[in-house]
Amino acid sequence: MSNAILKLENLDIRFYIYFYTIIFIIGICIGSFINVLIYRLPKNENIITSSSRCTSCGSKIKYLDMIPIFSWIFLRGKCRQCGGKISARYPLIEIMNSIIYIITFTVMDFSAMSILVCIFFSILTVIGFTDWDTLEIDIRLLAAIGIIAVISIFTDNSLTLFQRITGGIIISAPFFIIGEISSCIIESNTGEKIRGIELGDTILMAVSGLFIGYKAAVVSAFIGIILASIAGLIIKHKSGESTLAFGPFLSIGLFFGTLWGNSLTDWWFSLFI
């Protein structure tokens, strides 16, 4: 982690309250933009200039009706114009993003790296929900993580370049090999070109590993695989479906791996030394 760190536990309690209030507000505002990305990126719609519209009637949403969380509560989860239902997922994502930011700054204190990690987690949120909805990961989101990873090389000295490169390879290489082998097997049996692990998931772990290093990447992948396996068994039992988006579970794993992966890895190896 960078040397320029603001130790929050050493500050006056009033600053602590002000700081996290500001973080919460920033979090829900960015969470609102995350909702825009989740909805518009799969449709290739403009994310900046296009007006927000009701998904039911298509009417333009007024600015007063776009206040994060509060507008949804005030409107009782319904469109002002047509009364169509507005999904509770919108305010939940806004709240979740704020909570993620608060947890991040609590664990990492205030630094350039913690800011990058918050941005990273917001991108992972978009990836998780869009992959769940569409079974695809937008390459632009993966490129954004790659940019963050490159920036972190110059702002964070807790990882060596070797650790970052190893982090980019240690999970993505096996994922790529598994994807290639499974693709050949599935194609020979069914004639369909389907990968057991999609390239989007492979690239996600490559750029994320470059950002967080090999220890955190391994823990992230382990958690993601376990969660995806459990979810897959539940879905298979209930609906008989075998198709499952891997991105949401890798994103959850990357959240835990980024914040606690290094500590968990060091603790695990200490048991055998």
Protein backbone atom coordinates (compact mmCIF):
# COMPACT_ATOMS: atom_id res chain seq x y z
CA MET A 1 0.00 0.00 0.00
CA SER A 2 1.15 3.51 -0.67
CA ASN A 3 3.01 5.41 2.04
CA ALA A 4 0.51 8.29 1.72
CA ILE A 5 -2.14 6.79 3.99
CA LEU A 6 -4.54 8.62 6.27
CA LYS A 7 -5.01 6.48 9.40
CA LEU A 8 -8.70 6.95 10.14
CA GLU A 9 -8.56 5.39 13.60
CA ASN A 10 -6.23 8.17 14.78
CA LEU A 11 -8.70 10.96 13.99
CA ASP A 12 -11.36 12.72 16.03
CA ILE A 13 -14.73 10.96 16.14
CA ARG A 14 -16.44 13.94 14.48
CA PHE A 15 -14.19 13.64 11.45
CA TYR A 16 -14.94 9.91 11.42
CA ILE A 17 -18.68 10.65 11.21
CA TYR A 18 -18.28 13.38 8.58
CA PHE A 19 -15.94 11.26 6.50
CA TYR A 20 -18.20 8.21 6.32
CA THR A 21 -21.27 10.35 5.71
CA ILE A 22 -19.52 11.80 2.67
CA ILE A 23 -18.39 8.34 1.57
CA PHE A 24 -21.97 7.08 1.89
CA ILE A 25 -23.33 9.92 -0.25
CA ILE A 26 -20.62 9.45 -2.88
CA GLY A 27 -21.30 5.72 -2.82
CA ILE A 28 -25.02 6.00 -3.51
CA CYS A 29 -24.43 8.58 -6.26
CA ILE A 30 -21.92 6.32 -8.00
CA GLY A 31 -24.28 3.43 -7.32
CA SER A 32 -26.93 5.30 -9.29
CA PHE A 33 -24.51 5.54 -12.22
CA ILE A 34 -23.75 1.83 -11.82
CA ASN A 35 -27.46 1.18 -12.39
CA VAL A 36 -27.24 3.18 -15.61
CA LEU A 37 -24.27 1.12 -16.78
CA ILE A 38 -25.95 -2.18 -15.90
CA TYR A 39 -29.01 -1.24 -17.93
CA ARG A 40 -27.42 0.54 -20.89
CA LEU A 41 -24.12 -1.23 -21.62
CA PRO A 42 -25.71 -4.49 -22.82
CA LYS A 43 -27.97 -2.43 -25.09
CA ASN A 44 -25.03 -0.31 -26.34
CA GLU A 45 -26.90 2.84 -25.37
CA ASN A 46 -25.20 6.15 -24.63
CA ILE A 47 -24.37 6.28 -20.92
CA ILE A 48 -23.77 10.05 -20.70
CA THR A 49 -26.11 12.12 -22.86
CA SER A 50 -29.21 9.92 -23.14
CA SER A 51 -32.02 10.75 -20.73
CA SER A 52 -33.21 8.15 -18.25
CA ARG A 53 -36.62 6.75 -19.13
CA CYS A 54 -39.15 4.46 -17.55
CA THR A 55 -38.65 0.89 -18.76
CA SER A 56 -42.43 0.39 -18.80
CA CYS A 57 -43.86 3.46 -20.57
CA GLY A 58 -40.72 5.10 -21.96
CA SER A 59 -41.47 8.48 -20.41
CA LYS A 60 -38.54 10.70 -19.45
CA ILE A 61 -37.71 10.53 -15.74
CA LYS A 62 -37.56 13.91 -14.01
CA TYR A 63 -34.42 14.90 -12.14
CA LEU A 64 -36.29 14.96 -8.80
CA ASP A 65 -37.25 11.34 -9.43
CA MET A 66 -33.61 10.28 -9.84
CA ILE A 67 -32.34 11.07 -6.34
CA PRO A 68 -30.60 7.87 -5.22
CA ILE A 69 -32.63 5.73 -2.80
CA PHE A 70 -34.96 8.55 -1.69
CA SER A 71 -36.81 8.93 -4.99
CA TRP A 72 -37.56 5.21 -5.08
CA ILE A 73 -38.90 5.35 -1.52
CA PHE A 74 -40.93 8.52 -2.19
CA LEU A 75 -42.45 7.04 -5.37
CA ARG A 76 -43.04 3.73 -3.56
CA GLY A 77 -41.14 1.88 -6.25
CA LYS A 78 -43.44 3.01 -9.05
CA CYS A 79 -43.16 5.26 -12.10
CA ARG A 80 -44.78 8.67 -11.55
CA GLN A 81 -46.29 8.62 -15.06
CA CYS A 82 -47.61 5.10 -15.59
CA GLY A 83 -47.40 3.50 -12.17
CA GLY A 84 -45.21 0.74 -13.53
CA LYS A 85 -43.09 -1.09 -11.00
CA ILE A 86 -39.50 0.08 -10.52
CA SER A 87 -37.26 -2.78 -9.44
CA ALA A 88 -35.97 -2.69 -5.86
CA ARG A 89 -32.63 -3.69 -7.32
CA TYR A 90 -31.88 -0.04 -8.12
CA PRO A 91 -31.80 1.29 -4.53
CA LEU A 92 -30.25 -1.95 -3.28
CA ILE A 93 -27.31 -1.53 -5.66
CA GLU A 94 -26.91 2.08 -4.53
CA ILE A 95 -26.86 1.07 -0.87
CA MET A 96 -24.58 -1.88 -1.57
CA ASN A 97 -22.06 0.33 -3.35
CA SER A 98 -21.97 2.69 -0.37
CA ILE A 99 -21.47 -0.17 2.06
CA ILE A 100 -18.66 -1.54 -0.10
CA TYR A 101 -16.94 1.85 -0.04
CA ILE A 102 -17.29 2.15 3.73
CA ILE A 103 -15.87 -1.35 4.24
CA THR A 104 -12.99 -0.61 1.87
CA PHE A 105 -11.93 2.57 3.64
CA THR A 106 -12.32 0.90 7.02
CA VAL A 107 -10.03 -1.96 6.02
CA MET A 108 -7.52 0.00 3.93
CA ASP A 109 -7.69 3.50 5.45
CA PHE A 110 -7.63 6.48 3.10
CA SER A 111 -5.06 6.27 0.29
CA ALA A 112 -4.74 6.41 -3.47
CA MET A 113 -4.96 2.62 -3.52
CA SER A 114 -8.19 2.50 -1.51
CA ILE A 115 -9.77 4.91 -4.00
CA LEU A 116 -8.71 2.68 -6.89
CA VAL A 117 -10.06 -0.35 -5.04
CA CYS A 118 -13.44 1.36 -4.63
CA ILE A 119 -13.55 2.04 -8.37
CA PHE A 120 -12.51 -1.56 -8.98
CA PHE A 121 -15.37 -2.84 -6.81
CA SER A 122 -17.89 -0.62 -8.61
CA ILE A 123 -16.76 -2.04 -11.95
CA LEU A 124 -17.05 -5.56 -10.52
CA THR A 125 -20.62 -4.74 -9.49
CA VAL A 126 -21.46 -3.79 -13.06
CA ILE A 127 -19.75 -6.94 -14.33
CA GLY A 128 -21.57 -9.15 -11.84
CA PHE A 129 -25.05 -7.89 -12.67
CA THR A 130 -24.61 -7.59 -16.43
CA ASP A 131 -23.12 -11.08 -16.65
CA TRP A 132 -25.99 -12.43 -14.56
CA ASP A 133 -28.51 -10.75 -16.89
CA THR A 134 -26.86 -11.46 -20.24
CA LEU A 135 -24.21 -14.18 -19.65
CA GLU A 136 -21.64 -11.79 -21.15
CA ILE A 137 -18.92 -9.53 -19.74
CA ASP A 138 -18.43 -6.25 -21.58
CA ILE A 139 -14.82 -5.92 -22.79
CA ARG A 140 -14.93 -2.18 -21.95
CA LEU A 141 -15.32 -3.03 -18.28
CA LEU A 142 -12.36 -5.39 -18.43
CA ALA A 143 -10.31 -2.68 -20.14
CA ALA A 144 -11.25 -0.27 -17.33
CA ILE A 145 -9.88 -2.72 -14.74
CA GLY A 146 -6.72 -3.04 -16.83
CA ILE A 147 -6.29 0.74 -16.75
CA ILE A 148 -6.73 0.78 -12.97
CA ALA A 149 -4.15 -1.99 -12.66
CA VAL A 150 -1.60 0.01 -14.65
CA ILE A 151 -2.27 3.14 -12.59
CA SER A 152 -1.79 1.18 -9.37
CA ILE A 153 1.71 0.19 -10.44
CA PHE A 154 2.72 3.83 -9.99
CA THR A 155 0.61 4.61 -6.90
CA ASP A 156 0.97 1.46 -4.79
CA ASN A 157 4.29 0.00 -3.68
CA SER A 158 2.96 -2.95 -1.67
CA LEU A 159 3.24 -5.28 -4.69
CA THR A 160 6.25 -5.87 -6.90
CA LEU A 161 5.88 -6.02 -10.67
CA PHE A 162 6.64 -9.74 -10.48
CA GLN A 163 3.80 -10.28 -8.00
CA ARG A 164 1.43 -8.40 -10.27
CA ILE A 165 2.42 -10.30 -13.40
CA THR A 166 2.20 -13.59 -11.51
CA GLY A 167 -1.23 -12.50 -10.27
CA GLY A 168 -2.32 -11.89 -13.84
CA ILE A 169 -1.25 -15.38 -14.92
CA ILE A 170 -1.76 -17.70 -11.96
CA ILE A 171 -5.54 -18.03 -12.38
CA SER A 172 -6.17 -16.83 -15.92
CA ALA A 173 -3.76 -19.37 -17.47
CA PRO A 174 -5.52 -22.41 -15.93
CA PHE A 175 -8.89 -20.85 -16.76
CA PHE A 176 -7.84 -20.46 -20.40
CA ILE A 177 -6.57 -24.06 -20.60
CA ILE A 178 -9.75 -25.42 -19.00
CA GLY A 179 -11.82 -23.32 -21.41
CA GLU A 180 -9.95 -24.64 -24.45
CA ILE A 181 -10.09 -28.28 -23.39
CA SER A 182 -13.76 -28.12 -22.39
CA SER A 183 -14.60 -26.39 -25.67
CA CYS A 184 -13.09 -29.25 -27.65
CA ILE A 185 -14.88 -31.87 -25.57
CA ILE A 186 -18.26 -30.11 -25.75
CA GLU A 187 -17.93 -29.51 -29.50
CA SER A 188 -17.06 -33.15 -30.16
CA ASN A 189 -20.07 -34.34 -28.15
CA THR A 190 -22.70 -31.76 -29.11
CA GLY A 191 -21.32 -29.84 -32.08
CA GLU A 192 -21.69 -26.58 -30.15
CA LYS A 193 -18.76 -24.25 -29.51
CA ILE A 194 -19.17 -23.65 -25.79
CA ARG A 195 -16.36 -23.08 -23.30
CA GLY A 196 -16.50 -24.43 -19.76
CA ILE A 197 -14.94 -21.15 -18.64
CA GLU A 198 -15.59 -18.22 -20.94
CA LEU A 199 -12.88 -15.86 -22.15
CA GLY A 200 -14.53 -12.97 -20.32
CA ASP A 201 -14.02 -14.74 -16.99
CA THR A 202 -10.44 -15.55 -17.95
CA ILE A 203 -9.63 -11.94 -18.86
CA LEU A 204 -11.38 -10.74 -15.69
CA MET A 205 -8.98 -12.77 -13.55
CA ALA A 206 -6.00 -11.68 -15.66
CA VAL A 207 -6.56 -7.93 -15.28
CA SER A 208 -7.74 -8.29 -11.68
CA GLY A 209 -4.68 -10.37 -10.80
CA LEU A 210 -2.46 -7.68 -12.25
CA PHE A 211 -4.18 -5.24 -9.90
CA ILE A 212 -4.27 -7.25 -6.66
CA GLY A 213 -1.35 -9.70 -6.99
CA TYR A 214 -1.12 -13.48 -6.96
CA LYS A 215 -2.05 -14.15 -3.32
CA ALA A 216 -5.29 -12.20 -3.48
CA ALA A 217 -6.06 -13.63 -6.94
CA VAL A 218 -5.80 -17.22 -5.69
CA VAL A 219 -8.09 -16.55 -2.72
CA SER A 220 -10.53 -14.68 -4.99
CA ALA A 221 -10.73 -17.56 -7.46
CA PHE A 222 -11.13 -20.12 -4.69
CA ILE A 223 -14.06 -18.22 -3.15
CA GLY A 224 -15.62 -17.59 -6.56
CA ILE A 225 -15.40 -21.25 -7.58
CA ILE A 226 -16.91 -22.44 -4.29
CA LEU A 227 -19.80 -19.97 -4.50
CA ALA A 228 -20.45 -20.77 -8.17
CA SER A 229 -20.43 -24.50 -7.43
CA ILE A 230 -22.98 -24.12 -4.63
CA ALA A 231 -25.19 -21.83 -6.73
CA GLY A 232 -24.91 -24.17 -9.70
CA LEU A 233 -26.06 -27.17 -7.65
CA ILE A 234 -29.01 -25.22 -6.25
CA ILE A 235 -30.10 -23.94 -9.68
CA LYS A 236 -29.65 -27.41 -11.21
CA HIS A 237 -31.78 -28.95 -8.48
CA LYS A 238 -34.57 -26.37 -8.72
CA SER A 239 -34.80 -25.72 -12.44
CA GLY A 240 -32.66 -28.32 -14.15
CA GLU A 241 -30.66 -25.56 -15.84
CA SER A 242 -26.92 -26.09 -16.12
CA THR A 243 -25.97 -22.68 -17.57
CA LEU A 244 -24.59 -20.32 -14.94
CA ALA A 245 -22.92 -16.92 -15.11
CA PHE A 246 -19.47 -17.21 -13.48
CA GLY A 247 -18.75 -13.46 -13.39
CA PRO A 248 -20.97 -12.60 -10.39
CA PHE A 249 -19.27 -15.19 -8.21
CA LEU A 250 -15.79 -14.24 -9.32
CA SER A 251 -16.71 -10.62 -8.54
CA ILE A 252 -17.76 -11.58 -5.01
CA GLY A 253 -14.56 -13.57 -4.63
CA LEU A 254 -12.50 -10.61 -5.84
CA PHE A 255 -14.12 -8.38 -3.22
CA PHE A 256 -13.04 -10.66 -0.38
CA GLY A 257 -9.73 -11.55 -1.99
CA THR A 258 -8.74 -7.92 -2.55
CA LEU A 259 -9.40 -6.87 1.04
CA TRP A 260 -8.35 -9.98 2.94
CA GLY A 261 -6.66 -12.33 0.45
CA ASN A 262 -3.06 -11.49 1.37
CA SER A 263 -3.75 -11.86 5.10
CA LEU A 264 -5.56 -15.17 4.60
CA THR A 265 -2.76 -16.54 2.43
CA ASP A 266 -0.06 -15.50 4.91
CA TRP A 267 -2.05 -17.04 7.77
CA TRP A 268 -2.51 -20.30 5.85
CA PHE A 269 1.18 -20.68 5.05
CA SER A 270 2.12 -19.79 8.64
CA LEU A 271 0.35 -22.97 9.78
CA PHE A 272 2.93 -25.06 7.94
CA ILE A 273 6.06 -23.09 8.73
